[in-house]
Amino acid sequence: MSIAQGTPMINILNLNYVSGEILHTLVGCFGLVLVAPFTAIIGAWVFTRKQRTTH
């Protein structure tokens, strides 16, 4: 498959700024997927800890 006036896809993906943006997007996705559950767990722990100390 060719795009961009006959330039093969592999050449476009090998460009520094294209591959850098792809890597940046993947790292950001992994960060969101991994951080959200930890935030929920820590929030639940803090919330239940405060509730126990006030009763």
Protein backbone atom coordinates (compact mmCIF):
# COMPACT_ATOMS: atom_id res chain seq x y z
CA MET A 1 0.00 0.00 0.00
CA SER A 2 1.39 3.39 -0.94
CA ILE A 3 0.35 6.76 0.38
CA ALA A 4 1.60 10.32 0.08
CA GLN A 5 2.55 10.34 -3.60
CA GLY A 6 3.96 6.83 -3.78
CA THR A 7 5.91 6.82 -0.50
CA PRO A 8 5.63 3.39 1.16
CA MET A 9 3.95 3.23 4.57
CA ILE A 10 7.10 1.83 6.24
CA ASN A 11 9.10 4.91 5.19
CA ILE A 12 6.50 7.23 6.69
CA LEU A 13 6.43 5.28 9.96
CA ASN A 14 10.24 5.44 10.14
CA LEU A 15 10.29 9.24 10.16
CA ASN A 16 11.44 10.54 13.55
CA TYR A 17 8.50 12.81 14.23
CA VAL A 18 5.90 10.24 13.16
CA SER A 19 7.41 7.42 15.19
CA GLY A 20 7.88 9.80 18.13
CA GLU A 21 4.22 10.78 18.09
CA ILE A 22 3.13 7.14 17.88
CA LEU A 23 5.32 6.30 20.86
CA HIS A 24 4.05 9.34 22.76
CA THR A 25 0.45 8.27 22.15
CA LEU A 26 1.09 4.69 23.28
CA VAL A 27 2.87 5.77 26.47
CA GLY A 28 0.04 8.18 27.26
CA CYS A 29 -2.54 5.43 26.78
CA PHE A 30 -0.65 3.04 29.03
CA GLY A 31 -0.34 5.78 31.64
CA LEU A 32 -4.07 6.44 31.67
CA VAL A 33 -4.94 2.76 31.79
CA LEU A 34 -2.55 2.06 34.67
CA VAL A 35 -3.08 5.20 36.75
CA ALA A 36 -6.90 5.25 36.83
CA PRO A 37 -7.32 2.03 38.87
CA PHE A 38 -4.58 3.04 41.30
CA THR A 39 -6.25 6.39 41.85
CA ALA A 40 -9.58 4.69 42.55
CA ILE A 41 -7.98 2.25 44.99
CA ILE A 42 -6.11 4.98 46.86
CA GLY A 43 -9.23 7.17 46.95
CA ALA A 44 -11.31 4.31 48.34
CA TRP A 45 -8.65 3.55 50.94
CA VAL A 46 -8.46 7.19 52.07
CA PHE A 47 -12.25 7.51 52.16
CA THR A 48 -12.77 4.35 54.23
CA ARG A 49 -9.89 5.28 56.54
CA LYS A 50 -11.46 8.68 57.26
CA GLN A 51 -14.82 7.06 57.92
CA ARG A 52 -13.34 4.62 60.44
CA THR A 53 -11.52 7.31 62.40
CA THR A 54 -14.59 9.57 62.71
CA HIS A 55 -16.85 6.90 64.26
